[in-house]
Amino acid sequence: MFAEKGEIFYRFLTVEDKDDVINLLANNFCIEEPICKCLNFSEKERYEYATYASMFLADNRSMGAFDVNNSEKLCGVMINSASDFDPGINMEDYLQSVSKNTQYSIRVDNFLHKRIKELTKDGHFFACNWLSMDAAYFGKGIAKNLTLRTNEWLKNSRQFDMWVGVSVAPNAKHIGEKDGLKSVLEINMSEYQDEKTGERIFANAQIPLLHILIKAVKSTKSNL
């Protein structure tokens, strides 16, 4: 699906792609994403968090970019899920099985999901949870194309009221806004308190404002 001439093609990801997704996230997103950088993830923590993110592949709504000239290497991912997707784990037990910094990051994700549900008034929304590229492929328009193809699929699926995403990195906000998502809430992470410990874990961190982005989804015929 979404194959095209040239060096990159795009398709929906499955759980069979799990190992490649974990490696890409652990060695790119978990190194460069501002919150992960602030927590100074160890290699173990990078792989723990990437493994958690890979659970969302089971919702079958995520998309990958592959390099046809390099053994179809996975070079970009957009991990998506429906608002009511359940990864099928006991969250309390799972958190006890991972490192402290990984727990912090997962609780940040849960905090943001709750804020989004409040903003959407519990509407049925489609969430872009993680967007990441292999650093060797920067500048090839992969993030843009993942976003465009996801948007096209959304308009034709007629399953969702809204498309939502969270941006910490300024370039991610810019990509979302170019495709029609609008910032509806800014969150100053220096004021964020961990829901379990009450710690202000980002109080002294240099993290940009976090933006929650939302776009109403309209159903139209595909032009792809």
C-alpha atoms as a PDB file:
ATOM      1  CA  MET A   1       0.000   0.000   0.000  1.00  0.00           C
ATOM      2  CA  PHE A   2       1.176   3.496  -0.891  1.00  0.00           C
ATOM      3  CA  ALA A   3       4.115   2.072  -2.866  1.00  0.00           C
ATOM      4  CA  GLU A   4       5.732   4.527  -5.249  1.00  0.00           C
ATOM      5  CA  LYS A   5       8.690   4.853  -7.567  1.00  0.00           C
ATOM      6  CA  GLY A   6      11.849   6.062  -5.930  1.00  0.00           C
ATOM      7  CA  GLU A   7      13.807   5.088  -2.884  1.00  0.00           C
ATOM      8  CA  ILE A   8      11.074   5.307  -0.209  1.00  0.00           C
ATOM      9  CA  PHE A   9       7.738   3.532  -0.026  1.00  0.00           C
ATOM     10  CA  TYR A  10       5.068   3.602   2.654  1.00  0.00           C
ATOM     11  CA  ARG A  11       2.770   0.976   4.136  1.00  0.00           C
ATOM     12  CA  PHE A  12       0.812   0.225   7.260  1.00  0.00           C
ATOM     13  CA  LEU A  13       2.793  -1.475   9.999  1.00  0.00           C
ATOM     14  CA  THR A  14       1.879  -4.728  11.731  1.00  0.00           C
ATOM     15  CA  VAL A  15       3.048  -6.455  14.884  1.00  0.00           C
ATOM     16  CA  GLU A  16       5.494  -8.322  12.636  1.00  0.00           C
ATOM     17  CA  ASP A  17       7.415  -5.041  12.338  1.00  0.00           C
ATOM     18  CA  LYS A  18       7.820  -4.789  16.112  1.00  0.00           C
ATOM     19  CA  ASP A  19      11.572  -5.421  16.363  1.00  0.00           C
ATOM     20  CA  ASP A  20      12.410  -2.900  13.633  1.00  0.00           C
ATOM     21  CA  VAL A  21      10.117  -0.302  15.208  1.00  0.00           C
ATOM     22  CA  ILE A  22      11.696  -0.795  18.640  1.00  0.00           C
ATOM     23  CA  ASN A  23      15.198  -0.383  17.223  1.00  0.00           C
ATOM     24  CA  LEU A  24      14.274   2.756  15.285  1.00  0.00           C
ATOM     25  CA  LEU A  25      12.578   4.405  18.271  1.00  0.00           C
ATOM     26  CA  ALA A  26      15.273   3.393  20.772  1.00  0.00           C
ATOM     27  CA  ASN A  27      18.082   4.745  18.609  1.00  0.00           C
ATOM     28  CA  ASN A  28      16.389   7.905  17.357  1.00  0.00           C
ATOM     29  CA  PHE A  29      13.240   9.101  19.138  1.00  0.00           C
ATOM     30  CA  CYS A  30      14.433   8.099  22.614  1.00  0.00           C
ATOM     31  CA  ILE A  31      17.693   9.966  22.060  1.00  0.00           C
ATOM     32  CA  GLU A  32      16.476  13.173  20.421  1.00  0.00           C
ATOM     33  CA  GLU A  33      12.955  13.753  21.782  1.00  0.00           C
ATOM     34  CA  PRO A  34      13.158  16.568  24.390  1.00  0.00           C
ATOM     35  CA  ILE A  35      11.436  14.750  27.262  1.00  0.00           C
ATOM     36  CA  CYS A  36      13.544  11.625  26.751  1.00  0.00           C
ATOM     37  CA  LYS A  37      16.669  13.783  26.571  1.00  0.00           C
ATOM     38  CA  CYS A  38      15.710  15.538  29.783  1.00  0.00           C
ATOM     39  CA  LEU A  39      15.347  12.202  31.576  1.00  0.00           C
ATOM     40  CA  ASN A  40      18.722  11.130  30.163  1.00  0.00           C
ATOM     41  CA  PHE A  41      17.552   7.654  29.242  1.00  0.00           C
ATOM     42  CA  SER A  42      20.048   4.833  29.549  1.00  0.00           C
ATOM     43  CA  GLU A  43      20.169   2.310  26.709  1.00  0.00           C
ATOM     44  CA  LYS A  44      18.008  -0.032  28.773  1.00  0.00           C
ATOM     45  CA  GLU A  45      15.423   2.704  29.340  1.00  0.00           C
ATOM     46  CA  ARG A  46      15.400   3.634  25.655  1.00  0.00           C
ATOM     47  CA  TYR A  47      14.525   0.062  24.731  1.00  0.00           C
ATOM     48  CA  GLU A  48      11.962  -0.226  27.537  1.00  0.00           C
ATOM     49  CA  TYR A  49      10.112   2.860  26.359  1.00  0.00           C
ATOM     50  CA  ALA A  50      10.370   1.848  22.690  1.00  0.00           C
ATOM     51  CA  THR A  51       8.957  -1.570  23.585  1.00  0.00           C
ATOM     52  CA  TYR A  52       6.018   0.115  25.311  1.00  0.00           C
ATOM     53  CA  ALA A  53       5.388   2.258  22.218  1.00  0.00           C
ATOM     54  CA  SER A  54       5.489  -0.816  19.983  1.00  0.00           C
ATOM     55  CA  MET A  55       2.464  -2.267  21.791  1.00  0.00           C
ATOM     56  CA  PHE A  56       0.328   0.236  19.869  1.00  0.00           C
ATOM     57  CA  LEU A  57       1.154  -1.513  16.596  1.00  0.00           C
ATOM     58  CA  ALA A  58      -1.568  -3.977  17.540  1.00  0.00           C
ATOM     59  CA  ASP A  59      -4.185  -1.341  16.674  1.00  0.00           C
ATOM     60  CA  ASN A  60      -3.122  -1.698  13.000  1.00  0.00           C
ATOM     61  CA  ARG A  61      -3.237   2.050  12.287  1.00  0.00           C
ATOM     62  CA  SER A  62       0.476   2.883  12.265  1.00  0.00           C
ATOM     63  CA  MET A  63       2.499   3.650   9.160  1.00  0.00           C
ATOM     64  CA  GLY A  64       6.120   3.096   8.194  1.00  0.00           C
ATOM     65  CA  ALA A  65       8.526   4.357   5.558  1.00  0.00           C
ATOM     66  CA  PHE A  66      10.933   1.889   3.959  1.00  0.00           C
ATOM     67  CA  ASP A  67      14.083   2.316   1.880  1.00  0.00           C
ATOM     68  CA  VAL A  68      13.788   0.058  -1.169  1.00  0.00           C
ATOM     69  CA  ASN A  69      17.467   0.561  -1.965  1.00  0.00           C
ATOM     70  CA  ASN A  70      18.601  -0.652   1.448  1.00  0.00           C
ATOM     71  CA  SER A  71      16.895  -4.029   1.907  1.00  0.00           C
ATOM     72  CA  GLU A  72      13.609  -2.247   2.635  1.00  0.00           C
ATOM     73  CA  LYS A  73      15.025  -0.804   5.843  1.00  0.00           C
ATOM     74  CA  LEU A  74      12.489   0.868   8.117  1.00  0.00           C
ATOM     75  CA  CYS A  75      13.490   4.539   8.138  1.00  0.00           C
ATOM     76  CA  GLY A  76      10.452   6.329   9.547  1.00  0.00           C
ATOM     77  CA  VAL A  77       7.376   5.569  11.654  1.00  0.00           C
ATOM     78  CA  MET A  78       4.154   7.195  12.699  1.00  0.00           C
ATOM     79  CA  ILE A  79       2.626   5.126  15.492  1.00  0.00           C
ATOM     80  CA  ASN A  80      -1.083   5.809  15.723  1.00  0.00           C
ATOM     81  CA  SER A  81      -4.060   4.476  17.624  1.00  0.00           C
ATOM     82  CA  ALA A  82      -7.740   5.014  18.177  1.00  0.00           C
ATOM     83  CA  SER A  83      -8.707   6.821  21.378  1.00  0.00           C
ATOM     84  CA  ASP A  84     -10.268   3.674  22.796  1.00  0.00           C
ATOM     85  CA  PHE A  85      -7.375   1.326  21.972  1.00  0.00           C
ATOM     86  CA  ASP A  86      -6.354  -0.869  24.896  1.00  0.00           C
ATOM     87  CA  PRO A  87      -2.850  -2.414  24.711  1.00  0.00           C
ATOM     88  CA  GLY A  88      -4.098  -5.202  26.941  1.00  0.00           C
ATOM     89  CA  ILE A  89      -1.796  -4.743  29.911  1.00  0.00           C
ATOM     90  CA  ASN A  90      -2.306  -4.036  33.578  1.00  0.00           C
ATOM     91  CA  MET A  91      -0.664  -0.626  33.677  1.00  0.00           C
ATOM     92  CA  GLU A  92       0.234  -0.700  37.364  1.00  0.00           C
ATOM     93  CA  ASP A  93       1.922  -4.073  37.045  1.00  0.00           C
ATOM     94  CA  TYR A  94       3.649  -3.022  33.845  1.00  0.00           C
ATOM     95  CA  LEU A  95       5.055   0.139  35.404  1.00  0.00           C
ATOM     96  CA  GLN A  96       6.520  -1.896  38.220  1.00  0.00           C
ATOM     97  CA  SER A  97       8.408  -3.969  35.658  1.00  0.00           C
ATOM     98  CA  VAL A  98      10.292  -1.052  34.062  1.00  0.00           C
ATOM     99  CA  SER A  99      12.860   1.510  35.207  1.00  0.00           C
ATOM    100  CA  LYS A 100      11.983   4.710  37.047  1.00  0.00           C
ATOM    101  CA  ASN A 101      12.604   7.010  34.075  1.00  0.00           C
ATOM    102  CA  THR A 102      10.506   4.778  31.834  1.00  0.00           C
ATOM    103  CA  GLN A 103       7.710   5.008  34.395  1.00  0.00           C
ATOM    104  CA  TYR A 104       7.961   8.800  34.324  1.00  0.00           C
ATOM    105  CA  SER A 105       7.661   8.875  30.519  1.00  0.00           C
ATOM    106  CA  ILE A 106       4.689   6.518  30.405  1.00  0.00           C
ATOM    107  CA  ARG A 107       2.883   8.547  33.067  1.00  0.00           C
ATOM    108  CA  VAL A 108       3.512  11.693  31.007  1.00  0.00           C
ATOM    109  CA  ASP A 109       1.836   9.910  28.081  1.00  0.00           C
ATOM    110  CA  ASN A 110      -1.120   8.947  30.266  1.00  0.00           C
ATOM    111  CA  PHE A 111      -1.410  12.523  31.563  1.00  0.00           C
ATOM    112  CA  LEU A 112      -1.515  13.860  28.001  1.00  0.00           C
ATOM    113  CA  HIS A 113      -4.082  11.269  26.925  1.00  0.00           C
ATOM    114  CA  LYS A 114      -6.356  12.398  29.760  1.00  0.00           C
ATOM    115  CA  ARG A 115      -5.969  16.066  28.759  1.00  0.00           C
ATOM    116  CA  ILE A 116      -6.804  15.198  25.158  1.00  0.00           C
ATOM    117  CA  LYS A 117      -9.931  13.299  26.222  1.00  0.00           C
ATOM    118  CA  GLU A 118     -11.014  16.380  28.186  1.00  0.00           C
ATOM    119  CA  LEU A 119     -10.401  18.671  25.213  1.00  0.00           C
ATOM    120  CA  THR A 120     -12.263  16.398  22.804  1.00  0.00           C
ATOM    121  CA  LYS A 121     -15.090  15.807  25.267  1.00  0.00           C
ATOM    122  CA  ASP A 122     -14.456  12.071  24.990  1.00  0.00           C
ATOM    123  CA  GLY A 123     -15.001  12.122  21.234  1.00  0.00           C
ATOM    124  CA  HIS A 124     -13.734   9.262  19.088  1.00  0.00           C
ATOM    125  CA  PHE A 125     -10.341  10.540  18.003  1.00  0.00           C
ATOM    126  CA  PHE A 126      -7.328   9.250  16.109  1.00  0.00           C
ATOM    127  CA  ALA A 127      -4.042   9.852  17.897  1.00  0.00           C
ATOM    128  CA  CYS A 128      -0.556  10.204  16.467  1.00  0.00           C
ATOM    129  CA  ASN A 129       1.435   8.950  19.437  1.00  0.00           C
ATOM    130  CA  TRP A 130       5.017   8.776  18.131  1.00  0.00           C
ATOM    131  CA  LEU A 131       6.609  10.168  14.977  1.00  0.00           C
ATOM    132  CA  SER A 132      10.254   9.327  14.367  1.00  0.00           C
ATOM    133  CA  MET A 133      12.818   9.052  11.585  1.00  0.00           C
ATOM    134  CA  ASP A 134      16.186   7.392  11.289  1.00  0.00           C
ATOM    135  CA  ALA A 135      18.640  10.294  11.534  1.00  0.00           C
ATOM    136  CA  ALA A 136      20.319   9.200   8.288  1.00  0.00           C
ATOM    137  CA  TYR A 137      17.078  10.006   6.421  1.00  0.00           C
ATOM    138  CA  PHE A 138      16.445  13.544   7.644  1.00  0.00           C
ATOM    139  CA  GLY A 139      15.602  16.000   4.893  1.00  0.00           C
ATOM    140  CA  LYS A 140      13.903  13.469   2.612  1.00  0.00           C
ATOM    141  CA  GLY A 141      10.349  14.545   3.424  1.00  0.00           C
ATOM    142  CA  ILE A 142       9.538  11.330   5.262  1.00  0.00           C
ATOM    143  CA  ALA A 143       7.692  12.965   8.174  1.00  0.00           C
ATOM    144  CA  LYS A 144       5.681  15.051   5.716  1.00  0.00           C
ATOM    145  CA  ASN A 145       4.752  12.019   3.628  1.00  0.00           C
ATOM    146  CA  LEU A 146       3.821   9.911   6.637  1.00  0.00           C
ATOM    147  CA  THR A 147       1.549  12.747   7.742  1.00  0.00           C
ATOM    148  CA  LEU A 148      -0.001  13.246   4.302  1.00  0.00           C
ATOM    149  CA  ARG A 149      -0.729   9.558   3.793  1.00  0.00           C
ATOM    150  CA  THR A 150      -2.161   9.192   7.268  1.00  0.00           C
ATOM    151  CA  ASN A 151      -4.385  12.219   6.682  1.00  0.00           C
ATOM    152  CA  GLU A 152      -5.601  10.780   3.370  1.00  0.00           C
ATOM    153  CA  TRP A 153      -6.429   7.446   5.004  1.00  0.00           C
ATOM    154  CA  LEU A 154      -8.246   9.215   7.834  1.00  0.00           C
ATOM    155  CA  LYS A 155     -10.477  11.188   5.491  1.00  0.00           C
ATOM    156  CA  ASN A 156     -11.560   7.999   3.759  1.00  0.00           C
ATOM    157  CA  SER A 157     -11.909   5.760   6.810  1.00  0.00           C
ATOM    158  CA  ARG A 158     -14.893   7.717   8.204  1.00  0.00           C
ATOM    159  CA  GLN A 159     -14.170   6.263  11.623  1.00  0.00           C
ATOM    160  CA  PHE A 160     -13.055   9.315  13.589  1.00  0.00           C
ATOM    161  CA  ASP A 161     -14.217  12.783  14.563  1.00  0.00           C
ATOM    162  CA  MET A 162     -10.779  14.235  15.200  1.00  0.00           C
ATOM    163  CA  TRP A 163      -7.086  13.742  14.605  1.00  0.00           C
ATOM    164  CA  VAL A 164      -4.882  14.676  17.545  1.00  0.00           C
ATOM    165  CA  GLY A 165      -1.186  14.866  18.202  1.00  0.00           C
ATOM    166  CA  VAL A 166       1.263  16.179  20.762  1.00  0.00           C
ATOM    167  CA  SER A 167       4.278  18.254  19.823  1.00  0.00           C
ATOM    168  CA  VAL A 168       7.322  19.052  21.915  1.00  0.00           C
ATOM    169  CA  ALA A 169       9.811  19.624  19.105  1.00  0.00           C
ATOM    170  CA  PRO A 170       9.093  22.837  17.119  1.00  0.00           C
ATOM    171  CA  ASN A 171       9.522  21.059  13.765  1.00  0.00           C
ATOM    172  CA  ALA A 172       6.840  18.503  14.704  1.00  0.00           C
ATOM    173  CA  LYS A 173       4.383  21.320  15.473  1.00  0.00           C
ATOM    174  CA  HIS A 174       5.217  22.909  12.138  1.00  0.00           C
ATOM    175  CA  ILE A 175       4.579  19.653  10.247  1.00  0.00           C
ATOM    176  CA  GLY A 176       1.217  19.213  11.955  1.00  0.00           C
ATOM    177  CA  GLU A 177       0.119  22.791  11.310  1.00  0.00           C
ATOM    178  CA  LYS A 178       0.971  22.508   7.612  1.00  0.00           C
ATOM    179  CA  ASP A 179      -1.506  19.643   7.406  1.00  0.00           C
ATOM    180  CA  GLY A 180      -4.268  21.525   9.179  1.00  0.00           C
ATOM    181  CA  LEU A 181      -3.802  20.575  12.822  1.00  0.00           C
ATOM    182  CA  LYS A 182      -4.111  23.504  15.195  1.00  0.00           C
ATOM    183  CA  SER A 183      -2.616  24.021  18.627  1.00  0.00           C
ATOM    184  CA  VAL A 184      -5.472  24.124  21.140  1.00  0.00           C
ATOM    185  CA  LEU A 185      -3.462  23.912  24.343  1.00  0.00           C
ATOM    186  CA  GLU A 186       0.052  24.811  25.468  1.00  0.00           C
ATOM    187  CA  ILE A 187       1.484  23.016  28.476  1.00  0.00           C
ATOM    188  CA  ASN A 188       4.456  24.320  30.409  1.00  0.00           C
ATOM    189  CA  MET A 189       6.206  21.108  31.389  1.00  0.00           C
ATOM    190  CA  SER A 190       8.245  22.858  34.080  1.00  0.00           C
ATOM    191  CA  GLU A 191       4.998  22.911  36.086  1.00  0.00           C
ATOM    192  CA  TYR A 192       4.107  19.276  35.422  1.00  0.00           C
ATOM    193  CA  GLN A 193       3.881  17.022  38.502  1.00  0.00           C
ATOM    194  CA  ASP A 194       4.245  13.260  38.278  1.00  0.00           C
ATOM    195  CA  GLU A 195       0.879  11.777  39.230  1.00  0.00           C
ATOM    196  CA  LYS A 196       2.399   9.149  41.529  1.00  0.00           C
ATOM    197  CA  THR A 197       5.325  10.896  43.231  1.00  0.00           C
ATOM    198  CA  GLY A 198       4.225  14.522  42.950  1.00  0.00           C
ATOM    199  CA  GLU A 199       7.716  15.407  41.698  1.00  0.00           C
ATOM    200  CA  ARG A 200       8.220  18.300  39.302  1.00  0.00           C
ATOM    201  CA  ILE A 201      10.578  16.204  37.243  1.00  0.00           C
ATOM    202  CA  PHE A 202      11.018  18.853  34.531  1.00  0.00           C
ATOM    203  CA  ALA A 203      11.251  21.877  36.845  1.00  0.00           C
ATOM    204  CA  ASN A 204      14.796  22.755  35.801  1.00  0.00           C
ATOM    205  CA  ALA A 205      14.679  21.365  32.283  1.00  0.00           C
ATOM    206  CA  GLN A 206      14.972  23.325  29.068  1.00  0.00           C
ATOM    207  CA  ILE A 207      11.898  21.847  27.413  1.00  0.00           C
ATOM    208  CA  PRO A 208       9.906  23.909  24.899  1.00  0.00           C
ATOM    209  CA  LEU A 209       6.213  24.413  25.454  1.00  0.00           C
ATOM    210  CA  LEU A 210       4.295  21.271  24.685  1.00  0.00           C
ATOM    211  CA  HIS A 211       1.399  21.677  22.249  1.00  0.00           C
ATOM    212  CA  ILE A 212      -1.719  19.554  21.848  1.00  0.00           C
ATOM    213  CA  LEU A 213      -2.828  19.712  18.213  1.00  0.00           C
ATOM    214  CA  ILE A 214      -6.305  18.840  16.933  1.00  0.00           C
ATOM    215  CA  LYS A 215      -7.907  18.665  13.498  1.00  0.00           C
ATOM    216  CA  ALA A 216     -11.501  17.834  12.634  1.00  0.00           C
ATOM    217  CA  VAL A 217     -11.597  14.957  10.159  1.00  0.00           C
ATOM    218  CA  LYS A 218     -13.628  15.384   6.995  1.00  0.00           C
ATOM    219  CA  SER A 219     -14.523  12.456   4.738  1.00  0.00           C
ATOM    220  CA  THR A 220     -13.682  12.940   1.060  1.00  0.00           C
ATOM    221  CA  LYS A 221     -12.741  10.733  -1.851  1.00  0.00           C
ATOM    222  CA  SER A 222      -9.105   9.795  -2.134  1.00  0.00           C
ATOM    223  CA  ASN A 223      -6.815  11.653  -4.508  1.00  0.00           C
ATOM    224  CA  LEU A 224      -3.925   9.264  -3.848  1.00  0.00           C
END
